[in-house]
Amino acid sequence: MPESARNNGNGPALRPTTERHGTEPPNVTIGQMMENLNEYLDKRLGLRLTKGDICQKYNIRHSENGQWALLDIKMAFGKMQHLRANTNRDGLSVILVKQIQQLLQKCKTDKLLCENKVEKAKVRALAEQLQNEKKDKERLLNEKAKLLNLLSKRLEPKDCSGQKRYSIRSSSKAEQEFLYPFI
């Protein structure tokens, strides 16, 4: 038994509205409701024939998914305003509402796709910047190693001269000050 139809001792169990005398809303999505209502209106008002007649009468071309251009929607709306209140105007009104709804959905989808492209471009730019930073870091580490190697060679005296030997420590203060921009 569905969770909402439990009785819990508080009177009769609720029944969905799809049943007769139901008191609880049905468990359907908005998309399912729109689809169901569109199918009903198509059958009830004969909108398929009306849509075909309107497209032919006003020379409206639609895309492969049945969507009209914005200018065609505006033109049909203007023509509808001149019609008397009758079944033709009702059918045209429903068709225009459907076309406007499709157009708004398409605009929303296009906007989201555009935002998605922008975000992907930002991610690519950040990834490229990260790669450049890694390359710069490697180059600086290589230069630091070369400089340390060169320093160590300069500070090492020859054993045969009898001079004092110097050893270089990587943590010496002088070295850190000398190599500050590279650390």
C-alpha atoms as a PDB file:
ATOM      1  CA  MET A   1       0.000   0.000   0.000  1.00  0.00           C
ATOM      2  CA  PRO A   2       1.440   3.432  -0.838  1.00  0.00           C
ATOM      3  CA  GLU A   3       2.773   5.449   2.031  1.00  0.00           C
ATOM      4  CA  SER A   4       0.216   8.222   1.637  1.00  0.00           C
ATOM      5  CA  ALA A   5      -2.712   5.759   1.608  1.00  0.00           C
ATOM      6  CA  ARG A   6      -1.982   4.447   5.114  1.00  0.00           C
ATOM      7  CA  ASN A   7      -4.748   4.830   7.591  1.00  0.00           C
ATOM      8  CA  ASN A   8      -2.864   5.167  10.909  1.00  0.00           C
ATOM      9  CA  GLY A   9      -6.208   5.043  12.717  1.00  0.00           C
ATOM     10  CA  ASN A  10      -7.171   8.571  11.599  1.00  0.00           C
ATOM     11  CA  GLY A  11     -10.261   7.825   9.566  1.00  0.00           C
ATOM     12  CA  PRO A  12     -10.601   6.294   6.108  1.00  0.00           C
ATOM     13  CA  ALA A  13      -7.516   5.871   3.930  1.00  0.00           C
ATOM     14  CA  LEU A  14      -6.976   8.470   1.218  1.00  0.00           C
ATOM     15  CA  ARG A  15      -7.451   7.353  -2.356  1.00  0.00           C
ATOM     16  CA  PRO A  16      -5.799   8.905  -5.405  1.00  0.00           C
ATOM     17  CA  THR A  17      -7.981  11.196  -7.521  1.00  0.00           C
ATOM     18  CA  THR A  18      -7.731   8.823 -10.464  1.00  0.00           C
ATOM     19  CA  GLU A  19     -10.161   6.666  -8.521  1.00  0.00           C
ATOM     20  CA  ARG A  20     -13.770   7.693  -8.087  1.00  0.00           C
ATOM     21  CA  HIS A  21     -14.296   9.984  -5.086  1.00  0.00           C
ATOM     22  CA  GLY A  22     -10.555  10.105  -4.467  1.00  0.00           C
ATOM     23  CA  THR A  23      -9.199  12.749  -2.129  1.00  0.00           C
ATOM     24  CA  GLU A  24      -5.440  12.623  -2.728  1.00  0.00           C
ATOM     25  CA  PRO A  25      -3.619  14.039  -5.764  1.00  0.00           C
ATOM     26  CA  PRO A  26      -2.371  11.432  -8.251  1.00  0.00           C
ATOM     27  CA  ASN A  27       1.304  10.551  -8.334  1.00  0.00           C
ATOM     28  CA  VAL A  28       2.183  12.029 -11.750  1.00  0.00           C
ATOM     29  CA  THR A  29       4.752  14.528 -12.995  1.00  0.00           C
ATOM     30  CA  ILE A  30       3.979  17.824 -14.701  1.00  0.00           C
ATOM     31  CA  GLY A  31       5.373  16.451 -17.952  1.00  0.00           C
ATOM     32  CA  GLN A  32       2.994  13.491 -17.804  1.00  0.00           C
ATOM     33  CA  MET A  33       0.070  15.809 -17.121  1.00  0.00           C
ATOM     34  CA  MET A  34       0.978  18.048 -20.086  1.00  0.00           C
ATOM     35  CA  GLU A  35       1.340  15.064 -22.375  1.00  0.00           C
ATOM     36  CA  ASN A  36      -2.017  13.680 -21.292  1.00  0.00           C
ATOM     37  CA  LEU A  37      -3.779  17.042 -21.743  1.00  0.00           C
ATOM     38  CA  ASN A  38      -2.168  17.622 -25.135  1.00  0.00           C
ATOM     39  CA  GLU A  39      -3.347  14.212 -26.347  1.00  0.00           C
ATOM     40  CA  TYR A  40      -6.864  14.936 -25.072  1.00  0.00           C
ATOM     41  CA  LEU A  41      -7.023  18.350 -26.744  1.00  0.00           C
ATOM     42  CA  ASP A  42      -5.674  16.951 -30.011  1.00  0.00           C
ATOM     43  CA  LYS A  43      -8.466  14.360 -30.065  1.00  0.00           C
ATOM     44  CA  ARG A  44     -11.237  16.559 -28.673  1.00  0.00           C
ATOM     45  CA  LEU A  45     -10.794  19.634 -30.816  1.00  0.00           C
ATOM     46  CA  GLY A  46      -9.461  17.883 -33.902  1.00  0.00           C
ATOM     47  CA  LEU A  47      -6.290  19.942 -33.688  1.00  0.00           C
ATOM     48  CA  ARG A  48      -4.309  17.851 -36.146  1.00  0.00           C
ATOM     49  CA  LEU A  49      -6.660  18.800 -38.946  1.00  0.00           C
ATOM     50  CA  THR A  50      -6.931  22.374 -37.691  1.00  0.00           C
ATOM     51  CA  LYS A  51      -3.157  22.695 -37.527  1.00  0.00           C
ATOM     52  CA  GLY A  52      -2.814  21.400 -41.072  1.00  0.00           C
ATOM     53  CA  ASP A  53      -5.506  23.793 -42.307  1.00  0.00           C
ATOM     54  CA  ILE A  54      -3.867  26.746 -40.548  1.00  0.00           C
ATOM     55  CA  CYS A  55      -0.423  25.904 -41.921  1.00  0.00           C
ATOM     56  CA  GLN A  56      -1.851  25.700 -45.429  1.00  0.00           C
ATOM     57  CA  LYS A  57      -4.108  28.774 -45.125  1.00  0.00           C
ATOM     58  CA  TYR A  58      -1.438  31.091 -43.652  1.00  0.00           C
ATOM     59  CA  ASN A  59       1.515  29.499 -45.508  1.00  0.00           C
ATOM     60  CA  ILE A  60       3.269  28.480 -42.292  1.00  0.00           C
ATOM     61  CA  ARG A  61       6.278  26.223 -42.563  1.00  0.00           C
ATOM     62  CA  HIS A  62       7.331  24.192 -39.565  1.00  0.00           C
ATOM     63  CA  SER A  63      10.506  22.357 -38.721  1.00  0.00           C
ATOM     64  CA  GLU A  64      10.868  18.584 -38.555  1.00  0.00           C
ATOM     65  CA  ASN A  65       9.705  18.558 -34.930  1.00  0.00           C
ATOM     66  CA  GLY A  66       6.552  20.525 -35.792  1.00  0.00           C
ATOM     67  CA  GLN A  67       7.708  23.834 -34.351  1.00  0.00           C
ATOM     68  CA  TRP A  68       6.809  27.124 -36.024  1.00  0.00           C
ATOM     69  CA  ALA A  69       9.055  30.140 -36.384  1.00  0.00           C
ATOM     70  CA  LEU A  70       8.414  33.110 -34.082  1.00  0.00           C
ATOM     71  CA  LEU A  71       7.247  35.321 -36.967  1.00  0.00           C
ATOM     72  CA  ASP A  72       4.731  32.670 -38.038  1.00  0.00           C
ATOM     73  CA  ILE A  73       3.407  32.427 -34.483  1.00  0.00           C
ATOM     74  CA  LYS A  74       2.983  36.210 -34.344  1.00  0.00           C
ATOM     75  CA  MET A  75       1.266  36.255 -37.733  1.00  0.00           C
ATOM     76  CA  ALA A  76      -1.153  33.489 -36.714  1.00  0.00           C
ATOM     77  CA  PHE A  77      -1.846  35.316 -33.450  1.00  0.00           C
ATOM     78  CA  GLY A  78      -2.672  38.480 -35.381  1.00  0.00           C
ATOM     79  CA  LYS A  79      -5.005  36.552 -37.699  1.00  0.00           C
ATOM     80  CA  MET A  80      -6.658  34.912 -34.683  1.00  0.00           C
ATOM     81  CA  GLN A  81      -7.450  38.323 -33.181  1.00  0.00           C
ATOM     82  CA  HIS A  82      -9.619  39.106 -36.225  1.00  0.00           C
ATOM     83  CA  LEU A  83     -11.647  35.891 -36.005  1.00  0.00           C
ATOM     84  CA  ARG A  84     -15.009  35.779 -34.305  1.00  0.00           C
ATOM     85  CA  ALA A  85     -15.355  33.687 -31.181  1.00  0.00           C
ATOM     86  CA  ASN A  86     -16.011  30.244 -32.569  1.00  0.00           C
ATOM     87  CA  THR A  87     -14.497  26.790 -32.708  1.00  0.00           C
ATOM     88  CA  ASN A  88     -11.832  27.830 -35.230  1.00  0.00           C
ATOM     89  CA  ARG A  89     -10.558  30.514 -32.869  1.00  0.00           C
ATOM     90  CA  ASP A  90     -10.551  28.044 -29.966  1.00  0.00           C
ATOM     91  CA  GLY A  91      -8.541  25.501 -31.931  1.00  0.00           C
ATOM     92  CA  LEU A  92      -6.121  28.135 -33.186  1.00  0.00           C
ATOM     93  CA  SER A  93      -5.712  29.439 -29.629  1.00  0.00           C
ATOM     94  CA  VAL A  94      -4.799  25.991 -28.342  1.00  0.00           C
ATOM     95  CA  ILE A  95      -2.397  25.423 -31.233  1.00  0.00           C
ATOM     96  CA  LEU A  96      -0.724  28.784 -30.604  1.00  0.00           C
ATOM     97  CA  VAL A  97      -0.395  28.038 -26.891  1.00  0.00           C
ATOM     98  CA  LYS A  98       1.323  24.752 -27.782  1.00  0.00           C
ATOM     99  CA  GLN A  99       3.631  26.448 -30.296  1.00  0.00           C
ATOM    100  CA  ILE A 100       4.562  29.194 -27.830  1.00  0.00           C
ATOM    101  CA  GLN A 101       5.231  26.572 -25.174  1.00  0.00           C
ATOM    102  CA  GLN A 102       7.514  24.656 -27.565  1.00  0.00           C
ATOM    103  CA  LEU A 103       9.292  27.871 -28.530  1.00  0.00           C
ATOM    104  CA  LEU A 104       9.889  28.818 -24.892  1.00  0.00           C
ATOM    105  CA  GLN A 105      11.199  25.324 -24.167  1.00  0.00           C
ATOM    106  CA  LYS A 106      13.532  25.540 -27.165  1.00  0.00           C
ATOM    107  CA  CYS A 107      14.812  28.958 -26.023  1.00  0.00           C
ATOM    108  CA  LYS A 108      15.427  27.599 -22.541  1.00  0.00           C
ATOM    109  CA  THR A 109      17.269  24.572 -23.941  1.00  0.00           C
ATOM    110  CA  ASP A 110      19.351  26.742 -26.271  1.00  0.00           C
ATOM    111  CA  LYS A 111      20.274  29.038 -23.381  1.00  0.00           C
ATOM    112  CA  LEU A 112      21.376  26.071 -21.272  1.00  0.00           C
ATOM    113  CA  LEU A 113      23.427  24.670 -24.167  1.00  0.00           C
ATOM    114  CA  CYS A 114      25.105  28.060 -24.630  1.00  0.00           C
ATOM    115  CA  GLU A 115      25.903  28.285 -20.924  1.00  0.00           C
ATOM    116  CA  ASN A 116      27.253  24.729 -21.064  1.00  0.00           C
ATOM    117  CA  LYS A 117      29.568  25.656 -23.948  1.00  0.00           C
ATOM    118  CA  VAL A 118      30.826  28.706 -22.048  1.00  0.00           C
ATOM    119  CA  GLU A 119      31.513  26.618 -18.948  1.00  0.00           C
ATOM    120  CA  LYS A 120      33.346  23.989 -21.007  1.00  0.00           C
ATOM    121  CA  ALA A 121      35.486  26.721 -22.585  1.00  0.00           C
ATOM    122  CA  LYS A 122      36.323  28.040 -19.111  1.00  0.00           C
ATOM    123  CA  VAL A 123      37.305  24.555 -17.959  1.00  0.00           C
ATOM    124  CA  ARG A 124      39.512  24.088 -21.026  1.00  0.00           C
ATOM    125  CA  ALA A 125      41.188  27.454 -20.406  1.00  0.00           C
ATOM    126  CA  LEU A 126      41.826  26.568 -16.762  1.00  0.00           C
ATOM    127  CA  ALA A 127      43.234  23.175 -17.740  1.00  0.00           C
ATOM    128  CA  GLU A 128      45.539  24.851 -20.256  1.00  0.00           C
ATOM    129  CA  GLN A 129      46.611  27.378 -17.634  1.00  0.00           C
ATOM    130  CA  LEU A 130      47.350  24.548 -15.201  1.00  0.00           C
ATOM    131  CA  GLN A 131      49.487  22.784 -17.823  1.00  0.00           C
ATOM    132  CA  ASN A 132      51.411  26.011 -18.457  1.00  0.00           C
ATOM    133  CA  GLU A 133      51.959  26.456 -14.717  1.00  0.00           C
ATOM    134  CA  LYS A 134      53.301  22.898 -14.458  1.00  0.00           C
ATOM    135  CA  LYS A 135      55.671  23.483 -17.366  1.00  0.00           C
ATOM    136  CA  ASP A 136      56.899  26.739 -15.796  1.00  0.00           C
ATOM    137  CA  LYS A 137      57.424  24.993 -12.466  1.00  0.00           C
ATOM    138  CA  GLU A 138      59.437  22.204 -14.120  1.00  0.00           C
ATOM    139  CA  ARG A 139      61.525  24.764 -16.014  1.00  0.00           C
ATOM    140  CA  LEU A 140      62.234  26.710 -12.811  1.00  0.00           C
ATOM    141  CA  LEU A 141      63.148  23.526 -10.939  1.00  0.00           C
ATOM    142  CA  ASN A 142      65.550  22.585 -13.733  1.00  0.00           C
ATOM    143  CA  GLU A 143      67.126  26.048 -13.644  1.00  0.00           C
ATOM    144  CA  LYS A 144      67.437  25.811  -9.864  1.00  0.00           C
ATOM    145  CA  ALA A 145      69.157  22.431 -10.152  1.00  0.00           C
ATOM    146  CA  LYS A 146      71.560  23.827 -12.760  1.00  0.00           C
ATOM    147  CA  LEU A 147      72.378  26.825 -10.583  1.00  0.00           C
ATOM    148  CA  LEU A 148      72.932  24.633  -7.531  1.00  0.00           C
ATOM    149  CA  ASN A 149      75.192  22.398  -9.563  1.00  0.00           C
ATOM    150  CA  LEU A 150      77.133  25.395 -10.841  1.00  0.00           C
ATOM    151  CA  LEU A 151      77.438  26.836  -7.322  1.00  0.00           C
ATOM    152  CA  SER A 152      78.648  23.580  -5.913  1.00  0.00           C
ATOM    153  CA  LYS A 153      81.324  23.372  -8.604  1.00  0.00           C
ATOM    154  CA  ARG A 154      82.532  26.929  -7.919  1.00  0.00           C
ATOM    155  CA  LEU A 155      82.741  26.467  -4.154  1.00  0.00           C
ATOM    156  CA  GLU A 156      84.676  23.213  -4.272  1.00  0.00           C
ATOM    157  CA  PRO A 157      88.470  23.958  -4.084  1.00  0.00           C
ATOM    158  CA  LYS A 158      91.003  21.496  -5.397  1.00  0.00           C
ATOM    159  CA  ASP A 159      92.581  19.138  -2.874  1.00  0.00           C
ATOM    160  CA  CYS A 160      96.116  19.598  -4.183  1.00  0.00           C
ATOM    161  CA  SER A 161      96.183  23.360  -3.488  1.00  0.00           C
ATOM    162  CA  GLY A 162      95.942  22.798   0.221  1.00  0.00           C
ATOM    163  CA  GLN A 163      93.114  25.245   0.655  1.00  0.00           C
ATOM    164  CA  LYS A 164      90.144  24.710   2.848  1.00  0.00           C
ATOM    165  CA  ARG A 165      87.268  22.724   1.382  1.00  0.00           C
ATOM    166  CA  TYR A 166      83.836  24.293   1.414  1.00  0.00           C
ATOM    167  CA  SER A 167      80.659  22.317   1.299  1.00  0.00           C
ATOM    168  CA  ILE A 168      77.398  23.781   0.225  1.00  0.00           C
ATOM    169  CA  ARG A 169      74.220  23.127   2.134  1.00  0.00           C
ATOM    170  CA  SER A 170      70.864  23.445   0.466  1.00  0.00           C
ATOM    171  CA  SER A 171      69.415  25.137   3.527  1.00  0.00           C
ATOM    172  CA  SER A 172      72.100  27.836   3.944  1.00  0.00           C
ATOM    173  CA  LYS A 173      70.771  31.378   4.245  1.00  0.00           C
ATOM    174  CA  ALA A 174      73.050  32.789   1.523  1.00  0.00           C
ATOM    175  CA  GLU A 175      71.853  30.167  -0.954  1.00  0.00           C
ATOM    176  CA  GLN A 176      68.207  30.837  -0.108  1.00  0.00           C
ATOM    177  CA  GLU A 177      68.672  34.569  -0.638  1.00  0.00           C
ATOM    178  CA  PHE A 178      70.507  33.971  -3.920  1.00  0.00           C
ATOM    179  CA  LEU A 179      67.914  31.559  -5.260  1.00  0.00           C
ATOM    180  CA  TYR A 180      64.846  33.277  -3.739  1.00  0.00           C
ATOM    181  CA  PRO A 181      62.864  33.820  -6.961  1.00  0.00           C
ATOM    182  CA  PHE A 182      63.404  30.194  -8.019  1.00  0.00           C
ATOM    183  CA  ILE A 183      62.370  28.421  -4.828  1.00  0.00           C
END
